[in-house]
Amino acid sequence: MPLLRQYEIGGAEVSVWEITETVDELSLLVPKEIAAACFEKFSSEKRRLEWLAVRAMVAQLYGPAARVVYDATGRPELAGADISISISHTEGYAAIACSRDFVLGLDVERSTRSVLSVAERFMQAEVLCNMLPDEANRLALCHWCAKEALFKITGNLGGNFKDNISVDCSGINESGSFSLKLAGLECAGSFIADYRFVDGLLLVLCRRI
């Protein structure tokens, strides 16, 4: 049976699916035409599992008639529904966040993922220099997830994590929030990221202030 966990983060509902099923088992949990579309779109078993897990969650949360579509910038939407959604995957998990009140972006990662070796690609040098060693990786992971989540709000409009997004976050707890600023792009503005370390995962939800 599917393992569906639900959390409230930053005023939105986040559902997480631990992918323990095979592709064939997940295919049985979605309408036949969706399963068929998956096999046409992806040759990788990993991508099929992630894609089907999200559609299985959508069917369970909103009914078998619910469909995920994408706008011109690549952001996912629920067809015909006045709900903002965001989709994320990490090894062994798929997640979806939804809100009726604001546009959101979600990113999920395993909380033990190591990102320090590539942190200079997405963090400014002065931020890296001031991190405390015992929390450096968790802080860098929060920066990465928040920036990923922010760009899911704007869609494919250009820019990069290091040059266009600044993060006001110097310390990390098990849960909390911090602010971000997006500059140099048409969609520039201020955002807030709510995060939670839970069940071996880091969930970060971003929204515009």
N, C-alpha and C. Protein backbone atom coordinates (compact mmCIF):
# COMPACT_ATOMS: atom_id res chain seq x y z
N MET A 1 0.84 -1.20 0.00
CA MET A 1 0.00 0.00 0.00
C MET A 1 0.88 1.25 0.00
N PRO A 2 0.37 2.33 -0.59
CA PRO A 2 1.16 3.57 -0.64
C PRO A 2 1.36 4.16 0.75
N LEU A 3 2.49 4.80 0.95
CA LEU A 3 2.80 5.44 2.22
C LEU A 3 2.69 6.95 2.02
N LEU A 4 1.58 7.52 2.43
CA LEU A 4 1.32 8.94 2.23
C LEU A 4 1.42 9.66 3.56
N ARG A 5 2.34 10.63 3.67
CA ARG A 5 2.49 11.44 4.88
C ARG A 5 2.09 12.86 4.53
N GLN A 6 1.46 13.53 5.46
CA GLN A 6 1.01 14.90 5.21
C GLN A 6 1.49 15.82 6.33
N TYR A 7 1.94 17.02 5.93
CA TYR A 7 2.46 18.00 6.86
C TYR A 7 1.87 19.36 6.51
N GLU A 8 1.74 20.22 7.51
CA GLU A 8 1.38 21.61 7.29
C GLU A 8 2.64 22.44 7.43
N ILE A 9 3.02 23.12 6.36
CA ILE A 9 4.24 23.92 6.36
C ILE A 9 3.94 25.27 5.72
N GLY A 10 4.18 26.33 6.45
CA GLY A 10 4.02 27.67 5.90
C GLY A 10 2.62 27.97 5.39
N GLY A 11 1.60 27.38 6.01
CA GLY A 11 0.23 27.63 5.58
C GLY A 11 -0.22 26.81 4.40
N ALA A 12 0.60 25.84 3.98
CA ALA A 12 0.24 24.97 2.86
C ALA A 12 0.27 23.51 3.32
N GLU A 13 -0.41 22.66 2.57
CA GLU A 13 -0.39 21.23 2.86
C GLU A 13 0.63 20.55 1.96
N VAL A 14 1.51 19.78 2.58
CA VAL A 14 2.54 19.06 1.84
C VAL A 14 2.32 17.57 2.03
N SER A 15 2.17 16.84 0.93
CA SER A 15 2.00 15.40 0.97
C SER A 15 3.25 14.72 0.42
N VAL A 16 3.72 13.70 1.11
CA VAL A 16 4.95 13.00 0.72
C VAL A 16 4.65 11.52 0.52
N TRP A 17 5.10 10.99 -0.58
CA TRP A 17 4.91 9.58 -0.91
C TRP A 17 6.27 8.89 -0.86
N GLU A 18 6.41 7.92 0.01
CA GLU A 18 7.61 7.09 0.02
C GLU A 18 7.43 6.00 -1.01
N ILE A 19 8.28 6.01 -2.02
CA ILE A 19 8.08 5.13 -3.17
C ILE A 19 8.64 3.74 -2.87
N THR A 20 7.76 2.86 -2.44
CA THR A 20 8.13 1.48 -2.15
C THR A 20 7.59 0.52 -3.21
N GLU A 21 6.75 1.05 -4.11
CA GLU A 21 6.11 0.21 -5.12
C GLU A 21 6.98 0.05 -6.37
N THR A 22 6.63 -0.90 -7.19
CA THR A 22 7.21 -1.02 -8.52
C THR A 22 6.43 -0.13 -9.48
N VAL A 23 6.97 0.05 -10.69
CA VAL A 23 6.26 0.81 -11.71
C VAL A 23 4.91 0.18 -12.00
N ASP A 24 4.86 -1.14 -12.10
CA ASP A 24 3.59 -1.82 -12.39
C ASP A 24 2.58 -1.60 -11.27
N GLU A 25 3.03 -1.63 -10.03
CA GLU A 25 2.12 -1.42 -8.90
C GLU A 25 1.58 0.01 -8.88
N LEU A 26 2.45 0.99 -9.14
CA LEU A 26 1.99 2.37 -9.17
C LEU A 26 1.03 2.62 -10.34
N SER A 27 1.27 1.94 -11.44
CA SER A 27 0.40 2.11 -12.61
C SER A 27 -1.04 1.75 -12.31
N LEU A 28 -1.25 0.84 -11.35
CA LEU A 28 -2.60 0.41 -11.00
C LEU A 28 -3.34 1.47 -10.17
N LEU A 29 -2.60 2.47 -9.65
CA LEU A 29 -3.19 3.47 -8.77
C LEU A 29 -3.62 4.74 -9.50
N VAL A 30 -3.40 4.78 -10.81
CA VAL A 30 -3.77 5.95 -11.61
C VAL A 30 -4.61 5.48 -12.79
N PRO A 31 -5.37 6.38 -13.42
CA PRO A 31 -6.14 6.00 -14.60
C PRO A 31 -5.24 5.42 -15.71
N LYS A 32 -5.80 4.54 -16.52
CA LYS A 32 -5.01 3.83 -17.52
C LYS A 32 -4.32 4.77 -18.50
N GLU A 33 -5.00 5.85 -18.88
CA GLU A 33 -4.40 6.76 -19.86
C GLU A 33 -3.20 7.50 -19.28
N ILE A 34 -3.20 7.74 -17.97
CA ILE A 34 -2.06 8.39 -17.32
C ILE A 34 -0.88 7.42 -17.26
N ALA A 35 -1.14 6.18 -16.91
CA ALA A 35 -0.08 5.18 -16.89
C ALA A 35 0.52 5.01 -18.28
N ALA A 36 -0.31 4.99 -19.31
CA ALA A 36 0.18 4.85 -20.67
C ALA A 36 1.04 6.04 -21.07
N ALA A 37 0.62 7.26 -20.67
CA ALA A 37 1.39 8.46 -20.98
C ALA A 37 2.77 8.41 -20.34
N CYS A 38 2.83 7.85 -19.13
CA CYS A 38 4.11 7.75 -18.44
C CYS A 38 5.10 6.89 -19.22
N PHE A 39 4.63 5.76 -19.74
CA PHE A 39 5.52 4.87 -20.48
C PHE A 39 5.96 5.49 -21.80
N GLU A 40 5.13 6.39 -22.35
CA GLU A 40 5.52 7.08 -23.58
C GLU A 40 6.54 8.18 -23.30
N LYS A 41 6.45 8.82 -22.13
CA LYS A 41 7.30 9.97 -21.81
C LYS A 41 8.69 9.58 -21.34
N PHE A 42 8.79 8.49 -20.56
CA PHE A 42 10.04 8.20 -19.87
C PHE A 42 10.51 6.77 -20.14
N SER A 43 11.80 6.64 -20.36
CA SER A 43 12.39 5.30 -20.48
C SER A 43 13.05 4.88 -19.17
N SER A 44 13.40 5.87 -18.33
CA SER A 44 14.04 5.59 -17.05
C SER A 44 13.02 5.10 -16.02
N GLU A 45 13.33 4.00 -15.35
CA GLU A 45 12.43 3.49 -14.31
C GLU A 45 12.31 4.48 -13.16
N LYS A 46 13.40 5.16 -12.81
CA LYS A 46 13.37 6.14 -11.72
C LYS A 46 12.38 7.26 -12.04
N ARG A 47 12.44 7.81 -13.26
CA ARG A 47 11.54 8.89 -13.63
C ARG A 47 10.10 8.40 -13.68
N ARG A 48 9.89 7.18 -14.14
CA ARG A 48 8.54 6.64 -14.17
C ARG A 48 7.97 6.51 -12.75
N LEU A 49 8.79 6.03 -11.83
CA LEU A 49 8.34 5.90 -10.44
C LEU A 49 7.97 7.26 -9.86
N GLU A 50 8.82 8.26 -10.05
CA GLU A 50 8.55 9.59 -9.50
C GLU A 50 7.29 10.19 -10.11
N TRP A 51 7.17 10.10 -11.42
CA TRP A 51 6.04 10.69 -12.13
C TRP A 51 4.73 10.02 -11.71
N LEU A 52 4.74 8.69 -11.65
CA LEU A 52 3.53 7.96 -11.27
C LEU A 52 3.17 8.20 -9.81
N ALA A 53 4.16 8.31 -8.93
CA ALA A 53 3.88 8.54 -7.52
C ALA A 53 3.14 9.87 -7.32
N VAL A 54 3.56 10.91 -8.05
CA VAL A 54 2.88 12.20 -7.96
C VAL A 54 1.44 12.07 -8.46
N ARG A 55 1.25 11.39 -9.58
CA ARG A 55 -0.12 11.23 -10.11
C ARG A 55 -0.98 10.37 -9.20
N ALA A 56 -0.37 9.40 -8.52
CA ALA A 56 -1.13 8.60 -7.56
C ALA A 56 -1.56 9.45 -6.37
N MET A 57 -0.68 10.35 -5.92
CA MET A 57 -1.05 11.28 -4.85
C MET A 57 -2.18 12.19 -5.28
N VAL A 58 -2.09 12.73 -6.50
CA VAL A 58 -3.13 13.61 -7.01
C VAL A 58 -4.47 12.88 -7.07
N ALA A 59 -4.45 11.64 -7.53
CA ALA A 59 -5.69 10.86 -7.61
C ALA A 59 -6.26 10.61 -6.22
N GLN A 60 -5.39 10.35 -5.25
CA GLN A 60 -5.85 10.07 -3.89
C GLN A 60 -6.37 11.34 -3.21
N LEU A 61 -5.72 12.48 -3.47
CA LEU A 61 -6.09 13.72 -2.80
C LEU A 61 -7.29 14.41 -3.46
N TYR A 62 -7.35 14.35 -4.79
CA TYR A 62 -8.35 15.15 -5.51
C TYR A 62 -9.30 14.33 -6.37
N GLY A 63 -9.13 13.01 -6.37
CA GLY A 63 -10.02 12.16 -7.15
C GLY A 63 -9.39 11.72 -8.46
N PRO A 64 -9.84 10.60 -9.02
CA PRO A 64 -9.21 10.05 -10.23
C PRO A 64 -9.34 10.92 -11.47
N ALA A 65 -10.27 11.88 -11.46
CA ALA A 65 -10.43 12.76 -12.62
C ALA A 65 -9.43 13.92 -12.62
N ALA A 66 -8.73 14.16 -11.51
CA ALA A 66 -7.79 15.28 -11.42
C ALA A 66 -6.60 15.06 -12.34
N ARG A 67 -6.16 16.13 -12.98
CA ARG A 67 -5.06 16.04 -13.93
C ARG A 67 -4.03 17.14 -13.67
N VAL A 68 -2.75 16.79 -13.73
CA VAL A 68 -1.66 17.77 -13.65
C VAL A 68 -1.35 18.25 -15.05
N VAL A 69 -1.36 19.57 -15.24
CA VAL A 69 -0.97 20.17 -16.51
C VAL A 69 0.12 21.21 -16.21
N TYR A 70 0.69 21.79 -17.27
CA TYR A 70 1.80 22.73 -17.08
C TYR A 70 1.52 24.02 -17.86
N ASP A 71 1.87 25.18 -17.22
CA ASP A 71 1.67 26.45 -17.91
C ASP A 71 2.84 26.75 -18.82
N ALA A 72 2.85 27.93 -19.43
CA ALA A 72 3.86 28.28 -20.42
C ALA A 72 5.27 28.34 -19.85
N THR A 73 5.40 28.57 -18.55
CA THR A 73 6.73 28.63 -17.92
C THR A 73 7.17 27.29 -17.34
N GLY A 74 6.32 26.27 -17.46
CA GLY A 74 6.66 24.95 -16.95
C GLY A 74 6.17 24.66 -15.55
N ARG A 75 5.40 25.58 -14.96
CA ARG A 75 4.87 25.34 -13.62
C ARG A 75 3.68 24.39 -13.69
N PRO A 76 3.60 23.43 -12.75
CA PRO A 76 2.46 22.51 -12.75
C PRO A 76 1.21 23.18 -12.21
N GLU A 77 0.05 22.72 -12.71
CA GLU A 77 -1.25 23.18 -12.24
C GLU A 77 -2.19 21.98 -12.18
N LEU A 78 -3.24 22.11 -11.40
CA LEU A 78 -4.34 21.15 -11.45
C LEU A 78 -5.38 21.69 -12.42
N ALA A 79 -5.63 20.95 -13.48
CA ALA A 79 -6.54 21.41 -14.52
C ALA A 79 -7.91 21.73 -13.93
N GLY A 80 -8.38 22.96 -14.20
CA GLY A 80 -9.71 23.35 -13.79
C GLY A 80 -9.90 23.62 -12.32
N ALA A 81 -8.82 23.65 -11.55
CA ALA A 81 -8.93 23.85 -10.09
C ALA A 81 -8.23 25.14 -9.69
N ASP A 82 -8.81 25.84 -8.74
CA ASP A 82 -8.23 27.09 -8.25
C ASP A 82 -7.29 26.79 -7.09
N ILE A 83 -6.25 26.00 -7.40
CA ILE A 83 -5.29 25.55 -6.39
C ILE A 83 -3.89 25.70 -6.96
N SER A 84 -2.98 26.29 -6.20
CA SER A 84 -1.58 26.32 -6.59
C SER A 84 -0.89 25.06 -6.09
N ILE A 85 -0.14 24.40 -6.97
CA ILE A 85 0.59 23.20 -6.56
C ILE A 85 2.06 23.33 -6.95
N SER A 86 2.89 22.55 -6.28
CA SER A 86 4.29 22.43 -6.64
C SER A 86 4.72 21.00 -6.38
N ILE A 87 5.59 20.49 -7.25
CA ILE A 87 5.99 19.08 -7.22
C ILE A 87 7.49 18.98 -6.99
N SER A 88 7.92 17.99 -6.22
CA SER A 88 9.35 17.77 -6.00
C SER A 88 9.62 16.28 -5.82
N HIS A 89 10.85 15.88 -6.12
CA HIS A 89 11.27 14.49 -5.95
C HIS A 89 12.65 14.45 -5.31
N THR A 90 12.92 13.39 -4.59
CA THR A 90 14.27 13.07 -4.17
C THR A 90 14.35 11.56 -4.11
N GLU A 91 15.52 11.04 -3.84
CA GLU A 91 15.71 9.58 -3.89
C GLU A 91 14.70 8.85 -3.01
N GLY A 92 13.81 8.08 -3.65
CA GLY A 92 12.85 7.26 -2.91
C GLY A 92 11.59 7.98 -2.47
N TYR A 93 11.44 9.26 -2.82
CA TYR A 93 10.28 10.03 -2.37
C TYR A 93 9.78 10.96 -3.48
N ALA A 94 8.48 11.20 -3.45
CA ALA A 94 7.87 12.25 -4.28
C ALA A 94 6.99 13.08 -3.36
N ALA A 95 6.84 14.37 -3.67
CA ALA A 95 6.08 15.26 -2.81
C ALA A 95 5.30 16.26 -3.64
N ILE A 96 4.18 16.69 -3.09
CA ILE A 96 3.36 17.71 -3.72
C ILE A 96 2.84 18.65 -2.64
N ALA A 97 2.93 19.95 -2.89
CA ALA A 97 2.39 20.97 -1.97
C ALA A 97 1.24 21.68 -2.66
N CYS A 98 0.24 22.08 -1.88
CA CYS A 98 -0.89 22.78 -2.47
C CYS A 98 -1.39 23.88 -1.54
N SER A 99 -1.92 24.94 -2.15
CA SER A 99 -2.50 26.04 -1.40
C SER A 99 -3.57 26.71 -2.24
N ARG A 100 -4.65 27.11 -1.60
CA ARG A 100 -5.69 27.90 -2.26
C ARG A 100 -5.45 29.40 -2.07
N ASP A 101 -4.43 29.76 -1.28
CA ASP A 101 -4.24 31.16 -0.90
C ASP A 101 -3.08 31.85 -1.58
N PHE A 102 -2.07 31.11 -2.03
CA PHE A 102 -0.90 31.75 -2.64
C PHE A 102 -0.18 30.78 -3.56
N VAL A 103 0.60 31.35 -4.49
CA VAL A 103 1.45 30.56 -5.37
C VAL A 103 2.67 30.11 -4.57
N LEU A 104 3.05 28.86 -4.73
CA LEU A 104 4.11 28.31 -3.90
C LEU A 104 5.10 27.50 -4.71
N GLY A 105 6.25 27.26 -4.09
CA GLY A 105 7.26 26.38 -4.64
C GLY A 105 7.73 25.44 -3.56
N LEU A 106 7.94 24.18 -3.88
CA LEU A 106 8.34 23.15 -2.92
C LEU A 106 9.61 22.46 -3.38
N ASP A 107 10.49 22.20 -2.42
CA ASP A 107 11.61 21.30 -2.71
C ASP A 107 11.78 20.35 -1.54
N VAL A 108 12.10 19.09 -1.85
CA VAL A 108 12.34 18.07 -0.84
C VAL A 108 13.67 17.39 -1.14
N GLU A 109 14.44 17.16 -0.09
CA GLU A 109 15.70 16.43 -0.18
C GLU A 109 15.84 15.54 1.04
N ARG A 110 16.59 14.48 0.91
CA ARG A 110 16.97 13.72 2.09
C ARG A 110 17.84 14.61 2.98
N SER A 111 17.57 14.60 4.27
CA SER A 111 18.26 15.52 5.17
C SER A 111 19.75 15.21 5.31
N THR A 112 20.16 14.01 4.91
CA THR A 112 21.58 13.62 5.00
C THR A 112 22.35 13.89 3.72
N ARG A 113 21.69 14.44 2.71
CA ARG A 113 22.40 14.69 1.46
C ARG A 113 23.53 15.68 1.68
N SER A 114 24.71 15.38 1.15
CA SER A 114 25.87 16.26 1.29
C SER A 114 25.96 17.19 0.09
N VAL A 115 26.01 18.50 0.36
CA VAL A 115 26.08 19.48 -0.72
C VAL A 115 27.25 20.44 -0.57
N LEU A 116 28.04 20.28 0.50
CA LEU A 116 29.12 21.25 0.76
C LEU A 116 30.16 21.27 -0.36
N SER A 117 30.39 20.13 -1.01
CA SER A 117 31.43 20.08 -2.05
C SER A 117 31.06 20.92 -3.27
N VAL A 118 29.79 21.25 -3.43
CA VAL A 118 29.37 22.06 -4.58
C VAL A 118 28.71 23.37 -4.14
N ALA A 119 28.83 23.70 -2.86
CA ALA A 119 28.12 24.86 -2.32
C ALA A 119 28.55 26.17 -2.96
N GLU A 120 29.80 26.28 -3.42
CA GLU A 120 30.23 27.54 -4.01
C GLU A 120 29.51 27.83 -5.33
N ARG A 121 28.85 26.83 -5.88
CA ARG A 121 28.10 27.04 -7.13
C ARG A 121 26.78 27.77 -6.90
N PHE A 122 26.24 27.70 -5.67
CA PHE A 122 24.94 28.32 -5.44
C PHE A 122 24.90 29.23 -4.22
N MET A 123 26.05 29.40 -3.51
CA MET A 123 26.11 30.29 -2.35
C MET A 123 27.25 31.28 -2.51
N GLN A 124 27.04 32.49 -2.00
CA GLN A 124 28.08 33.52 -2.07
C GLN A 124 29.22 33.17 -1.11
N ALA A 125 30.43 33.61 -1.46
CA ALA A 125 31.62 33.25 -0.70
C ALA A 125 31.55 33.73 0.73
N GLU A 126 31.01 34.95 0.96
CA GLU A 126 30.97 35.48 2.33
C GLU A 126 30.02 34.67 3.21
N VAL A 127 28.98 34.10 2.62
CA VAL A 127 28.07 33.25 3.39
C VAL A 127 28.76 31.94 3.76
N LEU A 128 29.46 31.36 2.82
CA LEU A 128 30.17 30.11 3.08
C LEU A 128 31.21 30.28 4.19
N CYS A 129 31.92 31.39 4.18
CA CYS A 129 32.98 31.62 5.15
C CYS A 129 32.46 31.76 6.57
N ASN A 130 31.22 32.18 6.74
CA ASN A 130 30.68 32.45 8.08
C ASN A 130 29.85 31.30 8.66
N MET A 131 29.79 30.18 7.95
CA MET A 131 28.99 29.05 8.46
C MET A 131 29.74 28.31 9.56
N LEU A 132 29.02 27.90 10.59
CA LEU A 132 29.61 27.09 11.64
C LEU A 132 29.80 25.66 11.14
N PRO A 133 30.95 25.04 11.41
CA PRO A 133 31.24 23.72 10.84
C PRO A 133 30.19 22.65 11.17
N ASP A 134 29.66 22.66 12.40
CA ASP A 134 28.76 21.58 12.80
C ASP A 134 27.37 21.68 12.17
N GLU A 135 27.03 22.82 11.57
CA GLU A 135 25.74 22.93 10.91
C GLU A 135 25.87 23.37 9.45
N ALA A 136 27.10 23.34 8.93
CA ALA A 136 27.36 23.87 7.59
C ALA A 136 26.56 23.14 6.52
N ASN A 137 26.55 21.81 6.55
CA ASN A 137 25.86 21.08 5.49
C ASN A 137 24.35 21.29 5.55
N ARG A 138 23.77 21.28 6.75
CA ARG A 138 22.33 21.50 6.88
C ARG A 138 21.94 22.90 6.40
N LEU A 139 22.80 23.89 6.72
CA LEU A 139 22.52 25.25 6.29
C LEU A 139 22.62 25.36 4.77
N ALA A 140 23.67 24.76 4.20
CA ALA A 140 23.83 24.79 2.74
C ALA A 140 22.68 24.07 2.06
N LEU A 141 22.22 22.97 2.65
CA LEU A 141 21.10 22.24 2.07
C LEU A 141 19.82 23.09 2.10
N CYS A 142 19.61 23.84 3.18
CA CYS A 142 18.46 24.74 3.25
C CYS A 142 18.55 25.82 2.18
N HIS A 143 19.74 26.38 1.98
CA HIS A 143 19.93 27.38 0.93
C HIS A 143 19.57 26.80 -0.43
N TRP A 144 20.09 25.60 -0.70
CA TRP A 144 19.84 24.95 -1.99
C TRP A 144 18.35 24.73 -2.21
N CYS A 145 17.68 24.13 -1.23
CA CYS A 145 16.26 23.80 -1.36
C CYS A 145 15.41 25.06 -1.50
N ALA A 146 15.73 26.10 -0.73
CA ALA A 146 14.95 27.34 -0.80
C ALA A 146 15.08 27.99 -2.18
N LYS A 147 16.28 27.99 -2.72
CA LYS A 147 16.48 28.58 -4.04
C LYS A 147 15.80 27.75 -5.12
N GLU A 148 15.86 26.45 -4.99
CA GLU A 148 15.16 25.57 -5.93
C GLU A 148 13.65 25.83 -5.87
N ALA A 149 13.13 25.94 -4.65
CA ALA A 149 11.70 26.17 -4.47
C ALA A 149 11.29 27.54 -5.02
N LEU A 150 12.13 28.55 -4.84
CA LEU A 150 11.80 29.89 -5.34
C LEU A 150 11.68 29.87 -6.86
N PHE A 151 12.61 29.25 -7.55
CA PHE A 151 12.54 29.23 -9.00
C PHE A 151 11.38 28.39 -9.52
N LYS A 152 10.83 27.51 -8.68
CA LYS A 152 9.62 26.80 -9.09
C LYS A 152 8.40 27.72 -9.08
N ILE A 153 8.48 28.80 -8.31
CA ILE A 153 7.39 29.80 -8.33
C ILE A 153 7.43 30.59 -9.64
N THR A 154 8.61 31.01 -10.04
CA THR A 154 8.72 31.86 -11.23
C THR A 154 8.64 31.08 -12.52
N GLY A 155 8.96 29.80 -12.50
CA GLY A 155 9.00 29.03 -13.73
C GLY A 155 10.30 29.29 -14.48
N ASN A 156 10.36 28.85 -15.71
CA ASN A 156 11.60 28.91 -16.49
C ASN A 156 11.80 30.30 -17.10
N LEU A 157 12.19 31.25 -16.24
CA LEU A 157 12.36 32.63 -16.69
C LEU A 157 13.81 33.08 -16.62
N GLY A 158 14.75 32.15 -16.51
CA GLY A 158 16.16 32.50 -16.51
C GLY A 158 16.71 32.73 -15.11
N GLY A 159 17.98 33.16 -15.05
CA GLY A 159 18.64 33.41 -13.78
C GLY A 159 19.31 32.17 -13.23
N ASN A 160 20.07 32.37 -12.13
CA ASN A 160 20.73 31.24 -11.49
C ASN A 160 20.75 31.44 -9.98
N PHE A 161 20.99 30.36 -9.27
CA PHE A 161 20.90 30.35 -7.81
C PHE A 161 21.89 31.30 -7.15
N LYS A 162 23.10 31.37 -7.68
CA LYS A 162 24.15 32.14 -6.99
C LYS A 162 24.04 33.63 -7.25
N ASP A 163 23.79 34.03 -8.49
CA ASP A 163 23.84 35.45 -8.84
C ASP A 163 22.53 36.18 -8.60
N ASN A 164 21.41 35.48 -8.66
CA ASN A 164 20.12 36.17 -8.63
C ASN A 164 19.35 36.02 -7.33
N ILE A 165 19.75 35.09 -6.46
CA ILE A 165 19.00 34.89 -5.22
C ILE A 165 19.92 35.07 -4.01
N SER A 166 19.54 35.97 -3.10
CA SER A 166 20.24 36.12 -1.83
C SER A 166 19.35 35.61 -0.71
N VAL A 167 19.97 34.98 0.29
CA VAL A 167 19.24 34.34 1.38
C VAL A 167 19.66 34.96 2.70
N ASP A 168 18.69 35.34 3.51
CA ASP A 168 18.96 35.88 4.84
C ASP A 168 18.76 34.78 5.87
N CYS A 169 19.75 33.92 5.99
CA CYS A 169 19.65 32.77 6.90
C CYS A 169 21.05 32.37 7.35
N SER A 170 21.33 32.57 8.63
CA SER A 170 22.67 32.27 9.14
C SER A 170 22.67 31.13 10.15
N GLY A 171 21.50 30.64 10.52
CA GLY A 171 21.41 29.54 11.48
C GLY A 171 20.19 28.69 11.20
N ILE A 172 20.26 27.41 11.58
CA ILE A 172 19.20 26.46 11.24
C ILE A 172 18.76 25.69 12.48
N ASN A 173 17.45 25.52 12.62
CA ASN A 173 16.87 24.67 13.65
C ASN A 173 16.18 23.49 12.99
N GLU A 174 15.34 22.79 13.73
CA GLU A 174 14.60 21.68 13.12
C GLU A 174 13.49 22.17 12.22
N SER A 175 13.00 23.38 12.49
CA SER A 175 12.01 24.00 11.62
C SER A 175 12.11 25.51 11.80
N GLY A 176 11.60 26.25 10.85
CA GLY A 176 11.66 27.70 10.94
C GLY A 176 11.39 28.34 9.60
N SER A 177 11.80 29.59 9.46
CA SER A 177 11.61 30.31 8.21
C SER A 177 12.72 31.34 8.04
N PHE A 178 12.94 31.75 6.81
CA PHE A 178 13.91 32.80 6.52
C PHE A 178 13.50 33.47 5.21
N SER A 179 14.10 34.62 4.94
CA SER A 179 13.70 35.40 3.77
C SER A 179 14.71 35.27 2.64
N LEU A 180 14.22 35.50 1.42
CA LEU A 180 15.04 35.47 0.22
C LEU A 180 14.69 36.68 -0.64
N LYS A 181 15.65 37.10 -1.46
CA LYS A 181 15.38 38.16 -2.43
C LYS A 181 15.86 37.70 -3.80
N LEU A 182 15.00 37.90 -4.78
CA LEU A 182 15.31 37.59 -6.16
C LEU A 182 15.54 38.90 -6.89
N ALA A 183 16.69 39.05 -7.52
CA ALA A 183 17.04 40.31 -8.19
C ALA A 183 17.54 40.04 -9.60
N GLY A 184 17.50 41.09 -10.42
CA GLY A 184 18.06 41.00 -11.76
C GLY A 184 17.18 40.34 -12.78
N LEU A 185 15.94 40.01 -12.42
CA LEU A 185 15.00 39.38 -13.34
C LEU A 185 13.67 40.11 -13.30
N GLU A 186 12.87 39.91 -14.33
CA GLU A 186 11.57 40.56 -14.40
C GLU A 186 10.68 40.18 -13.23
N CYS A 187 10.85 38.97 -12.71
CA CYS A 187 10.03 38.46 -11.61
C CYS A 187 10.64 38.76 -10.25
N ALA A 188 11.53 39.75 -10.15
CA ALA A 188 12.23 40.07 -8.91
C ALA A 188 11.25 40.39 -7.79
N GLY A 189 11.71 40.13 -6.54
CA GLY A 189 10.87 40.43 -5.40
C GLY A 189 11.38 39.75 -4.15
N SER A 190 10.61 39.86 -3.07
CA SER A 190 10.96 39.27 -1.79
C SER A 190 10.10 38.03 -1.55
N PHE A 191 10.71 37.02 -0.93
CA PHE A 191 10.06 35.74 -0.69
C PHE A 191 10.37 35.26 0.72
N ILE A 192 9.60 34.32 1.19
CA ILE A 192 9.87 33.68 2.47
C ILE A 192 9.90 32.17 2.27
N ALA A 193 10.82 31.51 2.95
CA ALA A 193 10.94 30.05 2.88
C ALA A 193 10.66 29.48 4.27
N ASP A 194 9.72 28.56 4.36
CA ASP A 194 9.45 27.81 5.58
C ASP A 194 10.04 26.41 5.40
N TYR A 195 10.75 25.94 6.41
CA TYR A 195 11.43 24.65 6.28
C TYR A 195 11.13 23.75 7.48
N ARG A 196 11.29 22.45 7.25
CA ARG A 196 11.15 21.49 8.34
C ARG A 196 12.01 20.26 8.05
N PHE A 197 12.81 19.87 9.03
CA PHE A 197 13.50 18.59 8.99
C PHE A 197 12.59 17.57 9.68
N VAL A 198 12.15 16.55 8.95
CA VAL A 198 11.20 15.60 9.51
C VAL A 198 11.31 14.26 8.79
N ASP A 199 11.30 13.19 9.55
CA ASP A 199 11.29 11.83 8.99
C ASP A 199 12.41 11.60 7.98
N GLY A 200 13.58 12.14 8.27
CA GLY A 200 14.73 11.92 7.39
C GLY A 200 14.75 12.79 6.14
N LEU A 201 13.85 13.78 6.08
CA LEU A 201 13.75 14.64 4.91
C LEU A 201 13.89 16.11 5.33
N LEU A 202 14.24 16.94 4.37
CA LEU A 202 14.14 18.39 4.50
C LEU A 202 13.07 18.85 3.52
N LEU A 203 12.03 19.48 4.04
CA LEU A 203 10.97 20.04 3.21
C LEU A 203 11.06 21.57 3.29
N VAL A 204 11.13 22.22 2.14
CA VAL A 204 11.20 23.68 2.09
C VAL A 204 10.11 24.19 1.17
N LEU A 205 9.30 25.08 1.69
CA LEU A 205 8.20 25.68 0.93
C LEU A 205 8.43 27.18 0.83
N CYS A 206 8.38 27.70 -0.39
CA CYS A 206 8.67 29.11 -0.64
C CYS A 206 7.43 29.81 -1.19
N ARG A 207 7.24 31.06 -0.79
CA ARG A 207 6.13 31.87 -1.29
C ARG A 207 6.57 33.33 -1.33
N ARG A 208 5.91 34.08 -2.18
CA ARG A 208 6.23 35.51 -2.30
C ARG A 208 5.64 36.28 -1.13
N ILE A 209 6.39 37.25 -0.62
CA ILE A 209 5.88 38.09 0.48
C ILE A 209 4.97 39.17 -0.10
